[in-house]
Every structure is written in structure tokens, then in C-alpha cells.
Amino acid sequence: MQLKKLFALIVGFLVWGMGSLTWGDYRHYAWTYQFMTMLPGEAELEFYNRMDQSDLSKPETVKWKRQTEIEVGLTNRWDISLYLVDSYKPTDAKTKFEETKLRTRYKLADKDQFFVDPLLYLEYKIQADRTYPDKWETKLILAKDIGNFNVAANVIPEEYYKTGTKEKDWKVEYAGGISYPVVSDIFRIGTEIKGDLKDDKHSLGHTISFKGRRIWTAVGSVFGLNDKSDDLQVQAIVGILF
């Protein structure tokens, strides 16, 4: 039921948002970041809705995570944002506020100055439960437009809590994608791969994205490639430019 409501909401936003193209932080992918930051003086509100299901044969393994982000461009290369994150488990029907995140991105060069376009991403995660220490996440974002194709790769060192403890350690995740426009540049289709090198989790799937006058959306689903990975992950993002 929640997936149907989410789909209806996205369709409604798309109908409202189609028109002359003046988008903000338009994303080609559901998980992978491409080489892009907000323009100076622009602000955007983004809504993330993610579903993970570790075992498709067991409905009780479904978990939901939602994020609301406000993003502001500072310069042609630099932006900042604030996230509010909560989670929901259908098994106990409870919503839990998890963390506040502060994030910044910086382009290391102008587009096409190097063989690939590099961007740095830094995120500080403030835990709602203050008995847990705060965490860091970083990303090295590398991307390139080759004709109509976009290719992007993200290397993601991230702090995490060891199972059943409040002790932190580091792991390295990754995400990558390739996308292609099928209706001008309004509608794109793509393939994404993502995973966790420490825990040997790897997933592969597809993404579609649309952009309109002041709104864009990206929706993706990936399926686990081994027994350690979740059977299914789905993420939808809607961005609204102020």
C-alpha cells in the first residue's frame, strides 16, 4: 500500500512540475551521485523514501527510511545541506527519529578540466540517541559525460556501529551508474550497482529519472547479488526547487 501511495505522489508531482526546464540538483540516479552541486543562491527541498527487504519471502523483514533535505548553493562549486532522518518498521508500526545530518559538497575542478570530473562529499551524522557517538561519511565522486551517456562512480568510506555495541569502525561502500536520455534530457534510464566491501554486499538494478520546470524525481530498485545482500532495495527521491 505504501508503494502505491508513493507512486501516486510522484506522478502527481511530475504532472505539476513539467514545463520549461529550470531544475536544481537534478539526480540521474537513486543512490549514485553525479558531478553536480546547487547553483549559488538556489535552494531546494528533497524528499527521500527508501525500502529495504532482506528476504522477499518474509514480509516482516521490510524496513523503511525517510529523509527530508534542505539544500542551498553557496558558489558555483560549493553547496551545503541539512537532513532529517527517520525510520519505520511495519512489524511494530513505530516511527523513530534517527539522526540529523549536515552535508557539504565541493567540486575540485570545472567540468571537463580533467579526464573525469571530481567532487568531494562530507557528511556529519548527529545521532538522536545521544548515548551513541556521532558518525562521519565521506564520498569521492567521479563522473563523466560521454556523448549522451553519463557515467558516475562513488567511493564511500563511512563510520558504522559494530553489531550490538556503540563502538565505531570504518567500512568502504561504493555506488556506480550509467544513464542515457530517452526523451531529450527530460527522461533518463540507467543501471546502478552498489555495495559494501567490508561485509561483501552487492546489489544491481535500474533507475529512471524525470525533470520538469521546478521539480525532478529519481526512482531506483536494486536486487541482491549474493546471500549477504538484501533481496530488494527501492529508493525514490523528489526534489523541488524554491
Protein backbone atom coordinates (compact mmCIF):
# COMPACT_ATOMS: atom_id res chain seq x y z
CA MET A 1 0.00 0.00 0.00
CA GLN A 2 2.77 2.45 0.86
CA LEU A 3 4.45 1.83 -2.51
CA LYS A 4 1.17 2.63 -4.31
CA LYS A 5 0.79 5.88 -2.36
CA LEU A 6 4.41 6.81 -3.09
CA PHE A 7 3.96 6.16 -6.81
CA ALA A 8 0.77 8.26 -6.92
CA LEU A 9 2.55 11.11 -5.12
CA ILE A 10 5.47 11.05 -7.58
CA VAL A 11 3.15 11.04 -10.61
CA GLY A 12 1.22 14.00 -9.20
CA PHE A 13 4.42 15.97 -8.66
CA LEU A 14 5.59 15.21 -12.20
CA VAL A 15 2.35 16.41 -13.77
CA TRP A 16 2.58 19.64 -11.77
CA GLY A 17 6.28 20.12 -12.49
CA MET A 18 6.54 19.64 -16.26
CA GLY A 19 7.31 22.78 -18.26
CA SER A 20 10.33 24.96 -19.08
CA LEU A 21 13.43 23.31 -17.61
CA THR A 22 14.98 25.22 -14.68
CA TRP A 23 15.91 22.38 -12.27
CA GLY A 24 18.31 22.45 -9.32
CA ASP A 25 20.24 19.42 -8.08
CA TYR A 26 18.71 17.03 -10.64
CA ARG A 27 19.82 13.45 -9.94
CA HIS A 28 20.26 10.84 -12.68
CA TYR A 29 20.37 8.02 -10.11
CA ALA A 30 18.65 6.88 -6.93
CA TRP A 31 21.88 6.17 -5.00
CA THR A 32 24.85 7.30 -7.09
CA TYR A 33 25.86 10.97 -7.12
CA GLN A 34 26.97 12.58 -10.37
CA PHE A 35 29.14 15.71 -10.79
CA MET A 36 26.69 18.40 -9.68
CA THR A 37 26.16 20.99 -6.95
CA MET A 38 23.44 23.58 -6.42
CA LEU A 39 23.95 26.95 -8.12
CA PRO A 40 24.73 29.92 -5.85
CA GLY A 41 21.61 31.42 -4.27
CA GLU A 42 19.38 28.47 -5.21
CA ALA A 43 17.59 26.38 -2.59
CA GLU A 44 15.88 23.01 -2.95
CA LEU A 45 13.77 20.71 -0.80
CA GLU A 46 14.28 16.98 -1.33
CA PHE A 47 12.30 14.00 -0.05
CA TYR A 48 13.81 10.50 0.11
CA ASN A 49 11.78 7.35 0.74
CA ARG A 50 13.67 4.05 0.91
CA MET A 51 12.54 0.47 1.44
CA ASP A 52 14.89 -2.44 2.23
CA GLN A 53 13.73 -6.05 2.41
CA SER A 54 16.36 -8.58 3.38
CA ASP A 55 14.19 -11.61 2.49
CA LEU A 56 11.35 -11.35 -0.03
CA SER A 57 9.73 -14.48 1.42
CA LYS A 58 9.41 -12.80 4.85
CA PRO A 59 7.31 -9.59 4.87
CA GLU A 60 8.46 -8.84 8.43
CA THR A 61 11.98 -8.10 7.14
CA VAL A 62 10.82 -4.86 5.45
CA LYS A 63 12.33 -1.60 6.76
CA TRP A 64 11.55 1.96 5.67
CA LYS A 65 13.77 5.04 5.93
CA ARG A 66 12.72 8.59 5.11
CA GLN A 67 14.83 11.72 4.73
CA THR A 68 13.92 15.36 4.27
CA GLU A 69 16.72 17.60 2.97
CA ILE A 70 17.08 21.36 2.51
CA GLU A 71 19.95 22.21 0.17
CA VAL A 72 21.49 25.62 -0.63
CA GLY A 73 24.08 26.61 -3.22
CA LEU A 74 26.91 28.84 -1.95
CA THR A 75 29.16 29.17 -5.01
CA ASN A 76 29.43 27.59 -8.46
CA ARG A 77 31.35 24.72 -6.85
CA TRP A 78 30.11 24.51 -3.26
CA ASP A 79 26.79 23.70 -1.54
CA ILE A 80 25.55 22.73 1.92
CA SER A 81 22.51 20.86 3.18
CA LEU A 82 20.64 19.67 6.26
CA TYR A 83 18.85 16.29 6.53
CA LEU A 84 16.28 14.99 8.99
CA VAL A 85 16.11 11.18 9.03
CA ASP A 86 13.52 8.79 10.47
CA SER A 87 12.75 5.10 10.07
CA TYR A 88 9.66 2.89 10.19
CA LYS A 89 9.23 -0.83 10.80
CA PRO A 90 5.83 -2.35 9.90
CA THR A 91 6.39 -5.12 12.48
CA ASP A 92 5.89 -2.70 15.40
CA ALA A 93 4.21 0.14 13.44
CA LYS A 94 6.53 2.69 15.06
CA THR A 95 8.31 5.64 13.52
CA LYS A 96 11.69 6.52 15.03
CA PHE A 97 13.65 9.73 14.53
CA GLU A 98 17.23 8.58 13.92
CA GLU A 99 19.57 11.44 13.15
CA THR A 100 20.25 14.90 11.79
CA LYS A 101 22.86 15.14 9.05
CA LEU A 102 24.95 18.11 7.93
CA ARG A 103 26.44 17.74 4.47
CA THR A 104 28.65 19.71 2.10
CA ARG A 105 29.87 19.07 -1.45
CA TYR A 106 32.70 20.75 -3.34
CA LYS A 107 33.74 20.44 -6.99
CA LEU A 108 37.52 20.08 -7.21
CA ALA A 109 37.61 21.48 -10.76
CA ASP A 110 35.42 22.84 -13.51
CA LYS A 111 33.59 20.36 -15.70
CA ASP A 112 35.79 18.61 -18.31
CA GLN A 113 39.01 20.07 -16.91
CA PHE A 114 40.27 16.52 -16.25
CA PHE A 115 39.64 13.08 -17.74
CA VAL A 116 36.96 12.60 -15.07
CA ASP A 117 35.09 15.26 -13.10
CA PRO A 118 35.92 15.02 -9.34
CA LEU A 119 33.77 16.12 -6.41
CA LEU A 120 34.23 15.71 -2.63
CA TYR A 121 31.30 15.00 -0.29
CA LEU A 122 31.47 15.24 3.53
CA GLU A 123 28.63 14.39 5.93
CA TYR A 124 28.37 14.60 9.73
CA LYS A 125 25.63 12.48 11.35
CA ILE A 126 24.26 13.71 14.70
CA GLN A 127 22.53 10.83 16.49
CA ALA A 128 19.09 11.37 18.03
CA ASP A 129 20.01 8.91 20.79
CA ARG A 130 22.80 10.90 22.45
CA THR A 131 24.18 7.77 24.15
CA TYR A 132 25.57 6.91 20.70
CA PRO A 133 28.54 8.87 19.29
CA ASP A 134 28.08 10.86 16.10
CA LYS A 135 29.41 9.50 12.81
CA TRP A 136 31.10 10.65 9.60
CA GLU A 137 30.57 9.70 5.98
CA THR A 138 32.70 10.80 3.04
CA LYS A 139 32.43 10.29 -0.70
CA LEU A 140 34.77 10.70 -3.62
CA ILE A 141 32.52 11.29 -6.60
CA LEU A 142 33.94 10.74 -10.09
CA ALA A 143 31.79 11.25 -13.18
CA LYS A 144 31.95 11.87 -16.91
CA ASP A 145 29.55 12.70 -19.73
CA ILE A 146 30.45 10.72 -22.86
CA GLY A 147 28.17 11.88 -25.64
CA ASN A 148 24.65 11.36 -24.29
CA PHE A 149 25.82 8.84 -21.69
CA ASN A 150 26.59 9.77 -18.10
CA VAL A 151 28.93 7.52 -16.11
CA ALA A 152 29.45 8.02 -12.37
CA ALA A 153 31.31 6.19 -9.59
CA ASN A 154 31.28 6.89 -5.83
CA VAL A 155 33.79 5.57 -3.26
CA ILE A 156 32.22 5.88 0.22
CA PRO A 157 34.30 5.50 3.43
CA GLU A 158 31.79 5.56 6.31
CA GLU A 159 31.73 5.11 10.09
CA TYR A 160 29.35 2.49 11.48
CA TYR A 161 28.50 0.83 14.81
CA LYS A 162 29.75 -2.68 15.42
CA THR A 163 26.84 -5.09 15.87
CA GLY A 164 25.25 -4.82 19.30
CA THR A 165 27.66 -2.11 20.51
CA LYS A 166 28.21 1.63 20.45
CA GLU A 167 31.77 1.14 19.26
CA LYS A 168 32.57 2.63 15.86
CA ASP A 169 34.63 1.30 12.97
CA TRP A 170 35.10 2.21 9.30
CA LYS A 171 33.85 0.45 6.21
CA VAL A 172 34.01 1.27 2.50
CA GLU A 173 30.86 1.25 0.42
CA TYR A 174 30.54 2.05 -3.28
CA ALA A 175 27.94 3.05 -5.86
CA GLY A 176 28.11 3.44 -9.61
CA GLY A 177 25.84 4.01 -12.54
CA ILE A 178 25.42 4.67 -16.23
CA SER A 179 22.43 6.51 -17.67
CA TYR A 180 21.10 7.65 -21.04
CA PRO A 181 18.33 10.12 -22.04
CA VAL A 182 15.44 8.60 -23.97
CA VAL A 183 13.22 11.71 -24.26
CA SER A 184 15.57 14.66 -24.85
CA ASP A 185 17.06 15.09 -21.36
CA ILE A 186 13.69 15.06 -19.59
CA PHE A 187 13.51 11.30 -19.06
CA ARG A 188 16.55 9.10 -18.45
CA ILE A 189 17.01 5.40 -17.83
CA GLY A 190 20.02 3.89 -16.13
CA THR A 191 21.65 0.97 -14.38
CA GLU A 192 23.15 1.17 -10.89
CA ILE A 193 25.37 -1.06 -8.81
CA LYS A 194 26.05 -0.52 -5.09
CA GLY A 195 27.55 -2.41 -2.23
CA ASP A 196 29.60 -2.75 0.93
CA LEU A 197 33.14 -4.10 0.51
CA LYS A 198 33.62 -4.87 4.21
CA ASP A 199 30.51 -7.06 4.51
CA ASP A 200 30.62 -8.38 0.92
CA LYS A 201 27.18 -7.00 0.00
CA HIS A 202 26.50 -6.19 -3.66
CA SER A 203 23.30 -5.18 -5.49
CA LEU A 204 22.40 -4.33 -9.09
CA GLY A 205 19.32 -2.79 -10.67
CA HIS A 206 17.78 0.04 -12.70
CA THR A 207 16.89 3.70 -12.24
CA ILE A 208 14.57 6.08 -14.05
CA SER A 209 14.60 9.87 -13.65
CA PHE A 210 12.49 12.80 -14.81
CA LYS A 211 12.94 16.56 -14.61
CA GLY A 212 10.41 19.32 -15.04
CA ARG A 213 10.07 23.06 -14.56
CA ARG A 214 10.94 23.20 -10.86
CA ILE A 215 10.78 19.57 -9.85
CA TRP A 216 12.63 16.32 -10.55
CA THR A 217 12.47 12.73 -9.38
CA ALA A 218 14.65 9.63 -9.48
CA VAL A 219 13.38 6.13 -8.65
CA GLY A 220 15.55 3.04 -8.47
CA SER A 221 15.43 -0.60 -7.42
CA VAL A 222 18.33 -2.99 -6.91
CA PHE A 223 18.43 -6.72 -6.19
CA GLY A 224 20.99 -8.59 -4.11
CA LEU A 225 23.74 -10.42 -5.99
CA ASN A 226 24.67 -12.75 -3.13
CA ASP A 227 23.22 -14.21 0.08
CA LYS A 228 24.69 -11.47 2.26
CA SER A 229 22.83 -8.71 0.40
CA ASP A 230 19.22 -7.58 0.84
CA ASP A 231 16.91 -9.26 -1.65
CA LEU A 232 15.44 -5.88 -2.65
CA GLN A 233 16.09 -2.19 -2.09
CA VAL A 234 13.91 0.58 -3.53
CA GLN A 235 14.54 4.33 -3.25
CA ALA A 236 12.57 7.31 -4.57
CA ILE A 237 13.75 10.93 -4.43
CA VAL A 238 11.69 14.03 -5.24
CA GLY A 239 13.38 17.44 -5.45
CA ILE A 240 11.51 20.76 -5.52
CA LEU A 241 13.40 23.95 -6.43
CA PHE A 242 12.28 27.06 -4.49
